[in-house]
Amino acid sequence: MARILLFNKPYGVLSQFTSEDGHPGLKEFIPIPGVYAAGRLDADSEGLLILTDDGALQHRLADPRHKLPKTYWAQVEGAPDDTDLEPLRRPMDLGDFISLPARVRLMDEPTQLWPRDPPVRFRKAIPTTWIELVLLEGKNRQVRRMTAKAGFPTLRLVRAAIGDYTLQGLASGQWREA
């Protein structure tokens, strides 16, 4: 039976087991040999990372062809309203690819969110807003590129769910078996 681990990846941690360029790797948090990340999150993104010892499952979870929804919470610069989010709901030309439409909604700051270290920069004159995006793909820095193109750069990005797997009950840096 496949082993599946859910990990709440902290800011600054790499989605690989080896440390690199001063960034810790997964081995600092997960002492289990033989599991590998199904997909990845950039060092400056936080949240759900799934690890498994089953290569076929790893491929199915990570491959965009399987259209597994990925839910992200993004703290963006500015104060978009629902109309401002419309470009994210349509295919968006990001230069090297055209994104699929995303499901997007405004949201309150997540109550279960942990403090980020270092904290997001605060600028008194510029408000921030939280939005939830659900993508059926997960290309390199896609959410950040989409929100920037829509005029609302991402300041903090948290992956909250992949399909039915969620961060529920996991503090930053914690993992559990699914």
N, C-alpha and C. Protein backbone atom coordinates (compact mmCIF):
# COMPACT_ATOMS: atom_id res chain seq x y z
N MET A 1 0.84 -1.17 0.00
CA MET A 1 0.00 0.00 0.00
C MET A 1 0.89 1.25 0.00
N ALA A 2 0.52 2.23 -0.79
CA ALA A 2 1.32 3.45 -0.92
C ALA A 2 1.33 4.24 0.38
N ARG A 3 2.46 4.77 0.67
CA ARG A 3 2.60 5.65 1.83
C ARG A 3 2.44 7.08 1.33
N ILE A 4 1.57 7.87 1.98
CA ILE A 4 1.32 9.26 1.59
C ILE A 4 1.51 10.14 2.81
N LEU A 5 2.38 11.14 2.68
CA LEU A 5 2.61 12.10 3.75
C LEU A 5 2.14 13.47 3.29
N LEU A 6 1.49 14.20 4.18
CA LEU A 6 1.10 15.58 3.93
C LEU A 6 2.01 16.45 4.79
N PHE A 7 2.65 17.42 4.17
CA PHE A 7 3.63 18.28 4.84
C PHE A 7 3.26 19.73 4.62
N ASN A 8 3.30 20.51 5.70
CA ASN A 8 3.07 21.95 5.61
C ASN A 8 4.45 22.61 5.48
N LYS A 9 4.84 22.85 4.23
CA LYS A 9 6.17 23.38 3.94
C LYS A 9 6.28 24.83 4.37
N PRO A 10 7.24 25.14 5.24
CA PRO A 10 7.44 26.53 5.65
C PRO A 10 8.10 27.37 4.54
N TYR A 11 7.98 28.67 4.69
CA TYR A 11 8.66 29.63 3.83
C TYR A 11 10.16 29.36 3.91
N GLY A 12 10.85 29.41 2.77
CA GLY A 12 12.30 29.27 2.74
C GLY A 12 12.81 27.85 2.64
N VAL A 13 11.92 26.87 2.72
CA VAL A 13 12.32 25.46 2.64
C VAL A 13 12.17 24.98 1.19
N LEU A 14 13.13 24.20 0.73
CA LEU A 14 13.09 23.66 -0.62
C LEU A 14 12.21 22.41 -0.68
N SER A 15 11.65 22.13 -1.84
CA SER A 15 10.82 20.94 -2.05
C SER A 15 11.66 19.74 -2.48
N GLN A 16 12.83 19.62 -1.92
CA GLN A 16 13.75 18.51 -2.18
C GLN A 16 14.41 18.16 -0.85
N PHE A 17 15.00 17.00 -0.77
CA PHE A 17 15.55 16.56 0.51
C PHE A 17 16.89 17.20 0.83
N THR A 18 17.63 17.62 -0.18
CA THR A 18 18.93 18.21 0.09
C THR A 18 18.82 19.72 0.27
N SER A 19 19.63 20.24 1.17
CA SER A 19 19.71 21.68 1.39
C SER A 19 20.54 22.29 0.27
N GLU A 20 20.30 23.57 0.00
CA GLU A 20 21.02 24.22 -1.09
C GLU A 20 20.96 25.73 -0.90
N ASP A 21 22.08 26.40 -1.12
CA ASP A 21 22.16 27.87 -1.06
C ASP A 21 21.57 28.44 0.23
N GLY A 22 21.82 27.79 1.35
CA GLY A 22 21.34 28.29 2.63
C GLY A 22 19.88 27.98 2.93
N HIS A 23 19.20 27.30 2.02
CA HIS A 23 17.80 26.90 2.25
C HIS A 23 17.77 25.46 2.74
N PRO A 24 17.05 25.20 3.84
CA PRO A 24 16.95 23.81 4.30
C PRO A 24 16.11 22.97 3.34
N GLY A 25 16.36 21.68 3.33
CA GLY A 25 15.59 20.74 2.53
C GLY A 25 14.61 19.97 3.38
N LEU A 26 13.89 19.08 2.77
CA LEU A 26 12.85 18.31 3.45
C LEU A 26 13.42 17.39 4.53
N LYS A 27 14.69 16.97 4.39
CA LYS A 27 15.26 16.05 5.39
C LYS A 27 15.34 16.69 6.78
N GLU A 28 15.30 18.02 6.84
CA GLU A 28 15.31 18.71 8.13
C GLU A 28 13.99 18.51 8.88
N PHE A 29 12.94 18.07 8.17
CA PHE A 29 11.60 17.97 8.74
C PHE A 29 11.02 16.55 8.69
N ILE A 30 11.40 15.78 7.68
CA ILE A 30 10.77 14.48 7.44
C ILE A 30 11.84 13.39 7.49
N PRO A 31 11.87 12.61 8.60
CA PRO A 31 12.91 11.60 8.78
C PRO A 31 12.57 10.24 8.18
N ILE A 32 11.78 10.23 7.11
CA ILE A 32 11.32 8.96 6.53
C ILE A 32 12.01 8.74 5.19
N PRO A 33 12.77 7.68 5.05
CA PRO A 33 13.43 7.41 3.77
C PRO A 33 12.45 6.85 2.74
N GLY A 34 12.78 7.06 1.46
CA GLY A 34 12.03 6.44 0.39
C GLY A 34 10.76 7.15 -0.05
N VAL A 35 10.50 8.35 0.48
CA VAL A 35 9.35 9.12 0.00
C VAL A 35 9.87 10.31 -0.79
N TYR A 36 9.07 10.72 -1.78
CA TYR A 36 9.48 11.81 -2.66
C TYR A 36 8.31 12.76 -2.88
N ALA A 37 8.63 14.02 -3.10
CA ALA A 37 7.59 15.03 -3.30
C ALA A 37 6.86 14.80 -4.62
N ALA A 38 5.55 14.91 -4.56
CA ALA A 38 4.70 14.84 -5.76
C ALA A 38 4.41 16.28 -6.15
N GLY A 39 5.27 16.84 -6.99
CA GLY A 39 5.18 18.26 -7.33
C GLY A 39 6.11 19.05 -6.44
N ARG A 40 6.00 20.37 -6.53
CA ARG A 40 6.89 21.19 -5.73
C ARG A 40 6.25 22.53 -5.43
N LEU A 41 6.85 23.22 -4.48
CA LEU A 41 6.52 24.61 -4.17
C LEU A 41 7.84 25.36 -4.14
N ASP A 42 7.85 26.57 -4.66
CA ASP A 42 9.06 27.39 -4.61
C ASP A 42 9.44 27.65 -3.15
N ALA A 43 10.69 27.99 -2.92
CA ALA A 43 11.15 28.27 -1.56
C ALA A 43 10.35 29.38 -0.91
N ASP A 44 9.90 30.36 -1.70
CA ASP A 44 9.17 31.49 -1.11
C ASP A 44 7.66 31.27 -1.06
N SER A 45 7.21 30.04 -1.32
CA SER A 45 5.81 29.67 -1.16
C SER A 45 5.70 28.69 0.00
N GLU A 46 4.52 28.65 0.60
CA GLU A 46 4.30 27.82 1.78
C GLU A 46 3.14 26.86 1.52
N GLY A 47 2.99 25.90 2.41
CA GLY A 47 1.78 25.10 2.40
C GLY A 47 1.96 23.66 2.00
N LEU A 48 0.86 23.08 1.51
CA LEU A 48 0.75 21.64 1.31
C LEU A 48 1.70 21.10 0.24
N LEU A 49 2.47 20.12 0.67
CA LEU A 49 3.32 19.34 -0.20
C LEU A 49 3.00 17.88 0.12
N ILE A 50 2.73 17.09 -0.92
CA ILE A 50 2.43 15.68 -0.73
C ILE A 50 3.67 14.88 -1.09
N LEU A 51 4.01 13.92 -0.24
CA LEU A 51 5.13 13.01 -0.49
C LEU A 51 4.61 11.59 -0.49
N THR A 52 5.20 10.75 -1.32
CA THR A 52 4.77 9.36 -1.40
C THR A 52 5.95 8.48 -1.79
N ASP A 53 5.79 7.19 -1.52
CA ASP A 53 6.78 6.20 -1.95
C ASP A 53 6.32 5.47 -3.21
N ASP A 54 5.18 5.87 -3.76
CA ASP A 54 4.59 5.23 -4.95
C ASP A 54 4.82 6.12 -6.16
N GLY A 55 5.70 5.69 -7.07
CA GLY A 55 6.05 6.49 -8.25
C GLY A 55 4.86 6.81 -9.14
N ALA A 56 3.96 5.84 -9.34
CA ALA A 56 2.78 6.10 -10.19
C ALA A 56 1.87 7.13 -9.54
N LEU A 57 1.68 7.04 -8.24
CA LEU A 57 0.85 8.02 -7.53
C LEU A 57 1.52 9.39 -7.56
N GLN A 58 2.83 9.41 -7.37
CA GLN A 58 3.58 10.68 -7.43
C GLN A 58 3.34 11.36 -8.77
N HIS A 59 3.42 10.60 -9.85
CA HIS A 59 3.21 11.13 -11.19
C HIS A 59 1.77 11.64 -11.35
N ARG A 60 0.80 10.86 -10.90
CA ARG A 60 -0.61 11.24 -11.04
C ARG A 60 -0.93 12.52 -10.26
N LEU A 61 -0.36 12.68 -9.08
CA LEU A 61 -0.60 13.87 -8.27
C LEU A 61 0.04 15.12 -8.88
N ALA A 62 1.19 14.95 -9.52
CA ALA A 62 1.96 16.10 -10.01
C ALA A 62 1.63 16.48 -11.45
N ASP A 63 1.19 15.53 -12.26
CA ASP A 63 1.01 15.77 -13.69
C ASP A 63 -0.25 16.59 -13.97
N PRO A 64 -0.11 17.75 -14.65
CA PRO A 64 -1.27 18.60 -14.95
C PRO A 64 -2.32 17.92 -15.83
N ARG A 65 -1.95 16.86 -16.56
CA ARG A 65 -2.92 16.18 -17.41
C ARG A 65 -4.04 15.54 -16.60
N HIS A 66 -3.79 15.28 -15.32
CA HIS A 66 -4.80 14.65 -14.47
C HIS A 66 -5.77 15.66 -13.88
N LYS A 67 -5.50 16.96 -14.07
CA LYS A 67 -6.41 18.04 -13.70
C LYS A 67 -6.87 17.97 -12.23
N LEU A 68 -5.96 17.66 -11.34
CA LEU A 68 -6.27 17.65 -9.92
C LEU A 68 -6.28 19.10 -9.44
N PRO A 69 -7.38 19.59 -8.88
CA PRO A 69 -7.44 20.99 -8.47
C PRO A 69 -6.45 21.29 -7.34
N LYS A 70 -5.78 22.41 -7.47
CA LYS A 70 -4.85 22.89 -6.45
C LYS A 70 -5.39 24.22 -5.95
N THR A 71 -5.59 24.33 -4.64
CA THR A 71 -6.17 25.53 -4.03
C THR A 71 -5.06 26.33 -3.37
N TYR A 72 -5.00 27.60 -3.72
CA TYR A 72 -3.99 28.52 -3.18
C TYR A 72 -4.67 29.69 -2.50
N TRP A 73 -4.06 30.15 -1.41
CA TRP A 73 -4.45 31.40 -0.78
C TRP A 73 -3.33 32.39 -1.06
N ALA A 74 -3.66 33.51 -1.66
CA ALA A 74 -2.65 34.51 -2.00
C ALA A 74 -2.99 35.84 -1.34
N GLN A 75 -2.02 36.37 -0.63
CA GLN A 75 -2.14 37.74 -0.11
C GLN A 75 -1.54 38.63 -1.19
N VAL A 76 -2.36 39.49 -1.75
CA VAL A 76 -1.91 40.33 -2.85
C VAL A 76 -1.86 41.79 -2.44
N GLU A 77 -1.02 42.50 -3.15
CA GLU A 77 -0.89 43.94 -2.92
C GLU A 77 -2.06 44.64 -3.60
N GLY A 78 -2.67 45.56 -2.86
CA GLY A 78 -3.80 46.30 -3.42
C GLY A 78 -5.11 45.79 -2.86
N ALA A 79 -6.20 46.37 -3.39
CA ALA A 79 -7.54 46.04 -2.92
C ALA A 79 -8.45 45.71 -4.09
N PRO A 80 -8.22 44.57 -4.74
CA PRO A 80 -9.08 44.23 -5.88
C PRO A 80 -10.51 43.95 -5.42
N ASP A 81 -11.46 44.24 -6.31
CA ASP A 81 -12.83 43.80 -6.06
C ASP A 81 -13.08 42.61 -6.98
N ASP A 82 -14.28 42.07 -6.93
CA ASP A 82 -14.57 40.87 -7.71
C ASP A 82 -14.36 41.10 -9.20
N THR A 83 -14.69 42.28 -9.69
CA THR A 83 -14.50 42.60 -11.11
C THR A 83 -13.02 42.60 -11.49
N ASP A 84 -12.16 43.08 -10.59
CA ASP A 84 -10.71 43.09 -10.85
C ASP A 84 -10.13 41.69 -11.00
N LEU A 85 -10.82 40.70 -10.45
CA LEU A 85 -10.32 39.32 -10.50
C LEU A 85 -10.74 38.60 -11.78
N GLU A 86 -11.59 39.23 -12.58
CA GLU A 86 -12.11 38.60 -13.81
C GLU A 86 -11.01 38.10 -14.75
N PRO A 87 -9.91 38.85 -14.96
CA PRO A 87 -8.86 38.33 -15.86
C PRO A 87 -8.29 36.97 -15.42
N LEU A 88 -8.32 36.70 -14.12
CA LEU A 88 -7.81 35.42 -13.61
C LEU A 88 -8.75 34.27 -13.93
N ARG A 89 -9.99 34.60 -14.21
CA ARG A 89 -11.01 33.58 -14.50
C ARG A 89 -11.04 33.19 -15.97
N ARG A 90 -10.21 33.83 -16.76
CA ARG A 90 -10.12 33.54 -18.20
C ARG A 90 -8.71 33.02 -18.50
N PRO A 91 -8.54 32.35 -19.64
CA PRO A 91 -7.16 31.98 -20.02
C PRO A 91 -6.29 33.23 -20.06
N MET A 92 -5.08 33.12 -19.53
CA MET A 92 -4.18 34.27 -19.44
C MET A 92 -2.87 33.94 -20.14
N ASP A 93 -2.45 34.80 -21.05
CA ASP A 93 -1.18 34.61 -21.75
C ASP A 93 -0.05 35.07 -20.85
N LEU A 94 0.76 34.13 -20.40
CA LEU A 94 1.88 34.44 -19.52
C LEU A 94 3.22 34.39 -20.25
N GLY A 95 3.18 34.49 -21.57
CA GLY A 95 4.40 34.52 -22.37
C GLY A 95 4.81 33.15 -22.85
N ASP A 96 5.18 32.26 -21.92
CA ASP A 96 5.62 30.92 -22.31
C ASP A 96 4.49 29.90 -22.33
N PHE A 97 3.31 30.27 -21.84
CA PHE A 97 2.12 29.42 -21.92
C PHE A 97 0.88 30.25 -21.64
N ILE A 98 -0.26 29.69 -22.00
CA ILE A 98 -1.54 30.32 -21.70
C ILE A 98 -2.19 29.49 -20.62
N SER A 99 -2.50 30.14 -19.50
CA SER A 99 -3.07 29.42 -18.37
C SER A 99 -4.50 29.00 -18.66
N LEU A 100 -4.92 27.96 -17.99
CA LEU A 100 -6.33 27.59 -17.99
C LEU A 100 -7.07 28.58 -17.08
N PRO A 101 -8.36 28.76 -17.27
CA PRO A 101 -9.11 29.64 -16.36
C PRO A 101 -9.01 29.12 -14.92
N ALA A 102 -8.95 30.04 -13.98
CA ALA A 102 -8.91 29.68 -12.55
C ALA A 102 -10.24 30.03 -11.92
N ARG A 103 -10.60 29.30 -10.87
CA ARG A 103 -11.71 29.73 -10.02
C ARG A 103 -11.10 30.67 -8.99
N VAL A 104 -11.65 31.85 -8.85
CA VAL A 104 -11.07 32.87 -7.98
C VAL A 104 -12.16 33.54 -7.16
N ARG A 105 -11.84 33.80 -5.89
CA ARG A 105 -12.77 34.55 -5.05
C ARG A 105 -11.99 35.35 -4.01
N LEU A 106 -12.57 36.45 -3.59
CA LEU A 106 -12.03 37.20 -2.47
C LEU A 106 -12.28 36.40 -1.21
N MET A 107 -11.39 36.51 -0.24
CA MET A 107 -11.57 35.79 1.02
C MET A 107 -11.01 36.61 2.18
N ASP A 108 -11.47 36.31 3.38
CA ASP A 108 -10.87 36.91 4.57
C ASP A 108 -9.52 36.25 4.80
N GLU A 109 -8.67 36.93 5.55
CA GLU A 109 -7.39 36.30 5.91
C GLU A 109 -7.68 34.99 6.63
N PRO A 110 -7.03 33.90 6.20
CA PRO A 110 -7.31 32.61 6.84
C PRO A 110 -7.01 32.64 8.34
N THR A 111 -7.96 32.20 9.14
CA THR A 111 -7.80 32.26 10.61
C THR A 111 -6.76 31.26 11.11
N GLN A 112 -6.58 30.17 10.39
CA GLN A 112 -5.65 29.13 10.83
C GLN A 112 -4.22 29.39 10.35
N LEU A 113 -3.98 30.55 9.74
CA LEU A 113 -2.66 30.85 9.18
C LEU A 113 -1.64 31.11 10.29
N TRP A 114 -0.46 30.61 10.10
CA TRP A 114 0.65 30.75 11.03
C TRP A 114 1.43 32.01 10.66
N PRO A 115 2.18 32.57 11.61
CA PRO A 115 3.03 33.73 11.27
C PRO A 115 4.13 33.30 10.31
N ARG A 116 4.47 34.16 9.38
CA ARG A 116 5.55 33.84 8.44
C ARG A 116 6.84 34.45 8.95
N ASP A 117 7.93 33.72 8.78
CA ASP A 117 9.24 34.21 9.18
C ASP A 117 10.15 34.15 7.96
N PRO A 118 10.57 35.31 7.41
CA PRO A 118 10.29 36.66 7.88
C PRO A 118 8.87 37.09 7.49
N PRO A 119 8.33 38.08 8.21
CA PRO A 119 6.98 38.54 7.87
C PRO A 119 6.93 39.21 6.50
N VAL A 120 5.74 39.24 5.93
CA VAL A 120 5.51 39.95 4.67
C VAL A 120 5.75 41.43 4.93
N ARG A 121 6.36 42.11 3.96
CA ARG A 121 6.62 43.54 4.15
C ARG A 121 5.30 44.28 4.31
N PHE A 122 5.30 45.25 5.19
CA PHE A 122 4.09 46.03 5.46
C PHE A 122 4.31 47.45 4.97
N ARG A 123 3.38 47.95 4.17
CA ARG A 123 3.45 49.34 3.73
C ARG A 123 2.12 50.00 4.07
N LYS A 124 2.22 51.02 4.91
CA LYS A 124 1.04 51.67 5.47
C LYS A 124 0.08 52.19 4.40
N ALA A 125 0.61 52.70 3.31
CA ALA A 125 -0.23 53.35 2.29
C ALA A 125 -0.81 52.37 1.27
N ILE A 126 -0.38 51.09 1.31
CA ILE A 126 -0.85 50.13 0.31
C ILE A 126 -1.54 48.97 1.03
N PRO A 127 -2.85 48.81 0.81
CA PRO A 127 -3.57 47.70 1.47
C PRO A 127 -3.20 46.36 0.85
N THR A 128 -3.54 45.30 1.55
CA THR A 128 -3.40 43.96 1.00
C THR A 128 -4.75 43.25 1.11
N THR A 129 -4.93 42.25 0.25
CA THR A 129 -6.18 41.50 0.17
C THR A 129 -5.84 40.03 -0.01
N TRP A 130 -6.67 39.16 0.56
CA TRP A 130 -6.50 37.73 0.37
C TRP A 130 -7.47 37.24 -0.70
N ILE A 131 -6.97 36.40 -1.60
CA ILE A 131 -7.82 35.76 -2.60
C ILE A 131 -7.53 34.27 -2.60
N GLU A 132 -8.54 33.50 -2.99
CA GLU A 132 -8.37 32.07 -3.16
C GLU A 132 -8.42 31.77 -4.64
N LEU A 133 -7.45 31.01 -5.12
CA LEU A 133 -7.40 30.60 -6.53
C LEU A 133 -7.37 29.08 -6.57
N VAL A 134 -8.17 28.50 -7.45
CA VAL A 134 -8.15 27.06 -7.67
C VAL A 134 -7.72 26.85 -9.12
N LEU A 135 -6.58 26.18 -9.28
CA LEU A 135 -6.01 25.91 -10.60
C LEU A 135 -6.09 24.43 -10.92
N LEU A 136 -6.18 24.13 -12.21
CA LEU A 136 -6.14 22.74 -12.65
C LEU A 136 -4.79 22.40 -13.27
N GLU A 137 -3.84 23.28 -13.05
CA GLU A 137 -2.47 23.08 -13.51
C GLU A 137 -1.58 23.71 -12.45
N GLY A 138 -0.32 23.55 -12.56
CA GLY A 138 0.58 24.12 -11.57
C GLY A 138 1.93 24.39 -12.18
N LYS A 139 1.99 25.34 -13.06
CA LYS A 139 3.25 25.65 -13.75
C LYS A 139 4.11 26.55 -12.85
N ASN A 140 5.37 26.67 -13.23
CA ASN A 140 6.35 27.42 -12.45
C ASN A 140 5.88 28.85 -12.15
N ARG A 141 5.75 29.16 -10.86
CA ARG A 141 5.39 30.49 -10.37
C ARG A 141 4.09 31.03 -10.99
N GLN A 142 3.20 30.13 -11.35
CA GLN A 142 1.99 30.50 -12.08
C GLN A 142 1.10 31.48 -11.33
N VAL A 143 0.80 31.22 -10.07
CA VAL A 143 -0.09 32.13 -9.33
C VAL A 143 0.54 33.51 -9.24
N ARG A 144 1.81 33.58 -8.91
CA ARG A 144 2.50 34.87 -8.80
C ARG A 144 2.47 35.62 -10.14
N ARG A 145 2.69 34.91 -11.21
CA ARG A 145 2.70 35.54 -12.54
C ARG A 145 1.30 36.02 -12.92
N MET A 146 0.28 35.23 -12.61
CA MET A 146 -1.09 35.61 -12.95
C MET A 146 -1.54 36.83 -12.16
N THR A 147 -1.30 36.83 -10.84
CA THR A 147 -1.76 37.97 -10.04
C THR A 147 -1.01 39.25 -10.41
N ALA A 148 0.28 39.12 -10.72
CA ALA A 148 1.06 40.29 -11.14
C ALA A 148 0.51 40.85 -12.45
N LYS A 149 0.21 39.96 -13.39
CA LYS A 149 -0.31 40.42 -14.68
C LYS A 149 -1.68 41.09 -14.51
N ALA A 150 -2.46 40.65 -13.53
CA ALA A 150 -3.76 41.26 -13.26
C ALA A 150 -3.62 42.56 -12.48
N GLY A 151 -2.39 42.91 -12.08
CA GLY A 151 -2.15 44.18 -11.39
C GLY A 151 -2.12 44.09 -9.88
N PHE A 152 -2.06 42.87 -9.34
CA PHE A 152 -2.07 42.68 -7.89
C PHE A 152 -1.00 41.67 -7.50
N PRO A 153 0.25 42.12 -7.38
CA PRO A 153 1.35 41.19 -7.10
C PRO A 153 1.15 40.41 -5.80
N THR A 154 1.55 39.16 -5.82
CA THR A 154 1.43 38.28 -4.65
C THR A 154 2.54 38.60 -3.65
N LEU A 155 2.14 38.79 -2.40
CA LEU A 155 3.09 39.02 -1.31
C LEU A 155 3.35 37.74 -0.51
N ARG A 156 2.31 36.93 -0.36
CA ARG A 156 2.42 35.66 0.36
C ARG A 156 1.56 34.63 -0.35
N LEU A 157 2.10 33.42 -0.51
CA LEU A 157 1.37 32.38 -1.23
C LEU A 157 1.40 31.08 -0.43
N VAL A 158 0.20 30.55 -0.17
CA VAL A 158 0.04 29.33 0.60
C VAL A 158 -0.80 28.34 -0.21
N ARG A 159 -0.28 27.13 -0.44
CA ARG A 159 -1.11 26.10 -1.07
C ARG A 159 -1.88 25.41 0.04
N ALA A 160 -3.21 25.51 -0.04
CA ALA A 160 -4.08 24.99 1.01
C ALA A 160 -4.56 23.58 0.75
N ALA A 161 -4.65 23.18 -0.53
CA ALA A 161 -5.18 21.85 -0.84
C ALA A 161 -4.71 21.38 -2.21
N ILE A 162 -4.65 20.07 -2.35
CA ILE A 162 -4.44 19.40 -3.64
C ILE A 162 -5.50 18.32 -3.68
N GLY A 163 -6.48 18.49 -4.56
CA GLY A 163 -7.60 17.55 -4.58
C GLY A 163 -8.27 17.56 -3.23
N ASP A 164 -8.46 16.37 -2.64
CA ASP A 164 -9.10 16.25 -1.32
C ASP A 164 -8.11 16.35 -0.16
N TYR A 165 -6.82 16.42 -0.45
CA TYR A 165 -5.81 16.55 0.60
C TYR A 165 -5.70 18.02 1.00
N THR A 166 -5.72 18.29 2.32
CA THR A 166 -5.66 19.68 2.79
C THR A 166 -4.62 19.85 3.90
N LEU A 167 -4.38 21.10 4.23
CA LEU A 167 -3.48 21.47 5.32
C LEU A 167 -4.14 21.32 6.69
N GLN A 168 -5.42 21.07 6.71
CA GLN A 168 -6.20 21.06 7.96
C GLN A 168 -5.44 20.40 9.10
N GLY A 169 -5.23 21.14 10.19
CA GLY A 169 -4.60 20.61 11.39
C GLY A 169 -3.09 20.52 11.37
N LEU A 170 -2.44 21.00 10.31
CA LEU A 170 -0.98 20.94 10.23
C LEU A 170 -0.37 22.31 10.45
N ALA A 171 0.45 22.45 11.46
CA ALA A 171 1.19 23.69 11.69
C ALA A 171 2.36 23.74 10.69
N SER A 172 2.90 24.90 10.47
CA SER A 172 4.04 25.05 9.57
C SER A 172 5.19 24.16 10.04
N GLY A 173 5.73 23.35 9.12
CA GLY A 173 6.83 22.45 9.45
C GLY A 173 6.39 21.08 9.92
N GLN A 174 5.09 20.86 10.09
CA GLN A 174 4.57 19.55 10.55
C GLN A 174 4.15 18.70 9.37
N TRP A 175 4.14 17.39 9.58
CA TRP A 175 3.66 16.45 8.59
C TRP A 175 2.84 15.38 9.29
N ARG A 176 2.03 14.68 8.49
CA ARG A 176 1.25 13.55 8.99
C ARG A 176 1.01 12.58 7.83
N GLU A 177 0.70 11.35 8.18
CA GLU A 177 0.34 10.37 7.17
C GLU A 177 -1.12 10.59 6.76
N ALA A 178 -1.39 10.44 5.48
CA ALA A 178 -2.77 10.62 4.99
C ALA A 178 -3.53 9.32 5.13
